[in-house]
Amino acid sequence: MADKEVPQKKVLSLVLCVAVMLSVMVMGAGAAFSDQDKIENTEAVDACIALNIIGGYEDGSYHPERNIKRSEITK
């Protein structure tokens, strides 16, 4: 019975590795904002976009230099 558990663990670890790799690829794609060059921490912004926490403005920009309004926080 112990012989059957080892291949299952290998398959499970392989599936988990593939899932992690795919999630990193999706997060790395990120959204290209029109002011992408002004963003200092692009990895954090890409992660927040992937988690649907932020989305930018309607004109396709991010405006990292602006203060966040109360109405924007309640998104």
Protein backbone atom coordinates (compact mmCIF):
# COMPACT_ATOMS: atom_id res chain seq x y z
CA MET A 1 0.00 0.00 0.00
CA ALA A 2 2.93 2.33 0.65
CA ASP A 3 4.02 1.96 -3.00
CA LYS A 4 0.76 3.48 -4.24
CA GLU A 5 1.09 6.56 -2.03
CA VAL A 6 4.43 7.65 -3.46
CA PRO A 7 3.23 8.15 -7.07
CA GLN A 8 0.16 10.01 -5.81
CA LYS A 9 2.39 12.39 -3.86
CA LYS A 10 4.55 12.95 -6.93
CA VAL A 11 1.53 13.68 -9.10
CA LEU A 12 0.09 16.04 -6.50
CA SER A 13 3.36 17.92 -6.17
CA LEU A 14 3.63 18.19 -9.96
CA VAL A 15 0.09 19.56 -10.22
CA LEU A 16 0.79 22.09 -7.47
CA CYS A 17 4.00 23.21 -9.19
CA VAL A 18 2.18 23.74 -12.48
CA ALA A 19 -0.59 25.69 -10.71
CA VAL A 20 1.94 27.97 -9.04
CA MET A 21 3.79 28.53 -12.30
CA LEU A 22 0.59 29.43 -14.13
CA SER A 23 -0.49 31.86 -11.41
CA VAL A 24 2.89 33.60 -11.54
CA MET A 25 2.63 33.90 -15.32
CA VAL A 26 -0.81 35.50 -15.05
CA MET A 27 0.33 37.92 -12.37
CA GLY A 28 3.42 38.83 -14.34
CA ALA A 29 1.38 39.80 -17.37
CA GLY A 30 -0.30 42.67 -15.54
CA ALA A 31 -2.10 45.56 -17.14
CA ALA A 32 -0.14 48.03 -19.21
CA PHE A 33 -1.22 51.46 -18.06
CA SER A 34 -0.51 54.50 -20.18
CA ASP A 35 1.70 55.83 -17.36
CA GLN A 36 3.42 52.50 -16.59
CA ASP A 37 6.84 54.17 -16.41
CA LYS A 38 5.76 56.23 -13.36
CA ILE A 39 4.90 53.14 -11.28
CA GLU A 40 7.75 52.31 -8.88
CA ASN A 41 6.57 48.97 -7.47
CA THR A 42 5.20 47.22 -10.53
CA GLU A 43 5.13 43.75 -8.92
CA ALA A 44 2.78 44.94 -6.17
CA VAL A 45 0.56 46.74 -8.67
CA ASP A 46 0.41 43.65 -10.90
CA ALA A 47 -0.52 41.49 -7.90
CA CYS A 48 -3.30 43.88 -6.88
CA ILE A 49 -4.62 43.93 -10.44
CA ALA A 50 -4.62 40.13 -10.56
CA LEU A 51 -6.58 40.04 -7.29
CA ASN A 52 -9.02 42.65 -8.67
CA ILE A 53 -8.16 45.12 -5.89
CA ILE A 54 -7.24 47.95 -8.24
CA GLY A 55 -8.11 48.64 -11.83
CA GLY A 56 -6.84 52.05 -12.81
CA TYR A 57 -8.82 54.89 -14.35
CA GLU A 58 -11.19 54.87 -17.32
CA ASP A 59 -8.62 56.54 -19.58
CA GLY A 60 -6.21 53.60 -19.12
CA SER A 61 -3.89 55.34 -16.67
CA TYR A 62 -2.88 54.51 -13.11
CA HIS A 63 -1.81 57.92 -11.70
CA PRO A 64 0.53 56.74 -8.92
CA GLU A 65 1.23 60.36 -7.95
CA ARG A 66 -2.40 61.11 -7.01
CA ASN A 67 -3.94 60.77 -3.57
CA ILE A 68 -6.65 58.13 -3.23
CA LYS A 69 -10.17 59.48 -2.75
CA ARG A 70 -12.60 57.98 -0.27
CA SER A 71 -14.91 56.91 -3.09
CA GLU A 72 -12.05 55.04 -4.77
CA ILE A 73 -11.27 53.08 -1.63
CA THR A 74 -14.82 51.74 -1.41
CA LYS A 75 -14.52 50.07 -4.80
